Each structure stands twice: as C-alpha cells, then as structure tokens.
Amino acid sequence: MYAIPLGDDGAELRPLEPWHAEEFLAHMDRGREFVAQFIAFGSKETDVDSARALLQRYADMRAADTGSLHGLWLEGKLVGGVLFLNFNAETGNCEVGCWLEPAGTGRGLITRAMKILIDFAVEQRGIHRIEWVAAAGNQPSLNVARRLGMTRDGVRREAHPYRGVRHDLEVWSILAPEWRAARARAAHNDH
C-alpha cells in the first residue's frame, strides 16, 4: 500500500479500499451532517456492509479505469477524500470531487490532494479536461476550484434537486495546457 505525503503536517493521500469500510463508516459518522450540507456522498452508508459496498463500487471503477476514490488521512485518521467521479481516458475528460469532515477543514488538504490527482490525470493519463461541479452555495468547494486555477464555465440553473430544494450547480474546469502553465508558474515562483 502506498501513501503520498501532503506536507509536513502528517497529512497523507492513500487509496480508499473496501477493507477500509469500518474506518470509512466511523469517518462518515463523524462528518455525515457536515458533508451532507451540499452532497449526498456517504449519506446512505450507515453500516459496515453499505460502507464496504460503496468502497467496492469505486474499487470496481478503478479496475475498469472509469473512476477512483482516495482517502485523506491526517495524523493517521481518515478525515476526507478526493475522487474521480468519472474518468474517460479515451475522450480525455474527467470530473473530480471531494468531501471532508470538520476535523479536516481549513488546512488546504483538498487543494494539496487535488494537485496530485490532476497531475496524475494530465501527465500520466493524458487527460485534457478536468471538470469540477459544485452547488453554487458551497463556497469552500468553489474556493478550491479557484485555488486550482480553474475557470468557471457556467451555471447549470436549478439542476440539482437535493433535500427538497433545486440548487444551481457551478461548472468549473481546467485544460491540460492551462494546468501545465500554472504548475510551471508555481514552480518558478518557488525558486
């Protein structure tokens, strides 16, 4: 099993696998209401079997090369994750997403982990367009898209019925040449 350090604060990015079901369930129980403010991810997983089934769906997607799930651990504790909701190497398009429990917020974990995912998608898999879709009211998520250098493509008005309300969805994206240019600028500024 591999872990990618995300800095000097004990944060790591690791694959989130079916054998993590109990740990994933405990994490979701801690953060369920916080996560559920804007997304339904993990809301139906209320026991170990349903948690394992969700993780298995993403393991199957990884095996089929259509998506994947990656956990964020902070000082050995699962606090959130990033994912490829869909991944299509043939068309060169993918969609990324994330979730966090409150203990993981305000540390830049999602931004740091997403840079690794996008680098992988662009440089190793040849993905051309990376898309980020978030509810218009989800400012923390939209802020990550901004920090990643994404462009707001538009708004899908009232496209997301959730908890009895139809929410606008903002669509953001970055193209491989834009990503490479932003990474080069960041590397230049680090020297």
Foldseek 3Di string as FASTA:
>chain_A
DDWDDLDDQQKTKAFDALVCLVLVLVLCVQAVVVQQPWDCVPVVSNDSVSSSVVRVVQVVCVVVVFKGWMFMDGNRHTFKTKMFPTGDLVVLETEIDMTGGPVPPPPCRVLSVVLVVVCCSCVVRPRFKYKYKTFPPPVVSVVSLVVQVWDFPAKPQLCDCGPNGRTIMIMTMDTSVRNVVVVVVVVVVVD
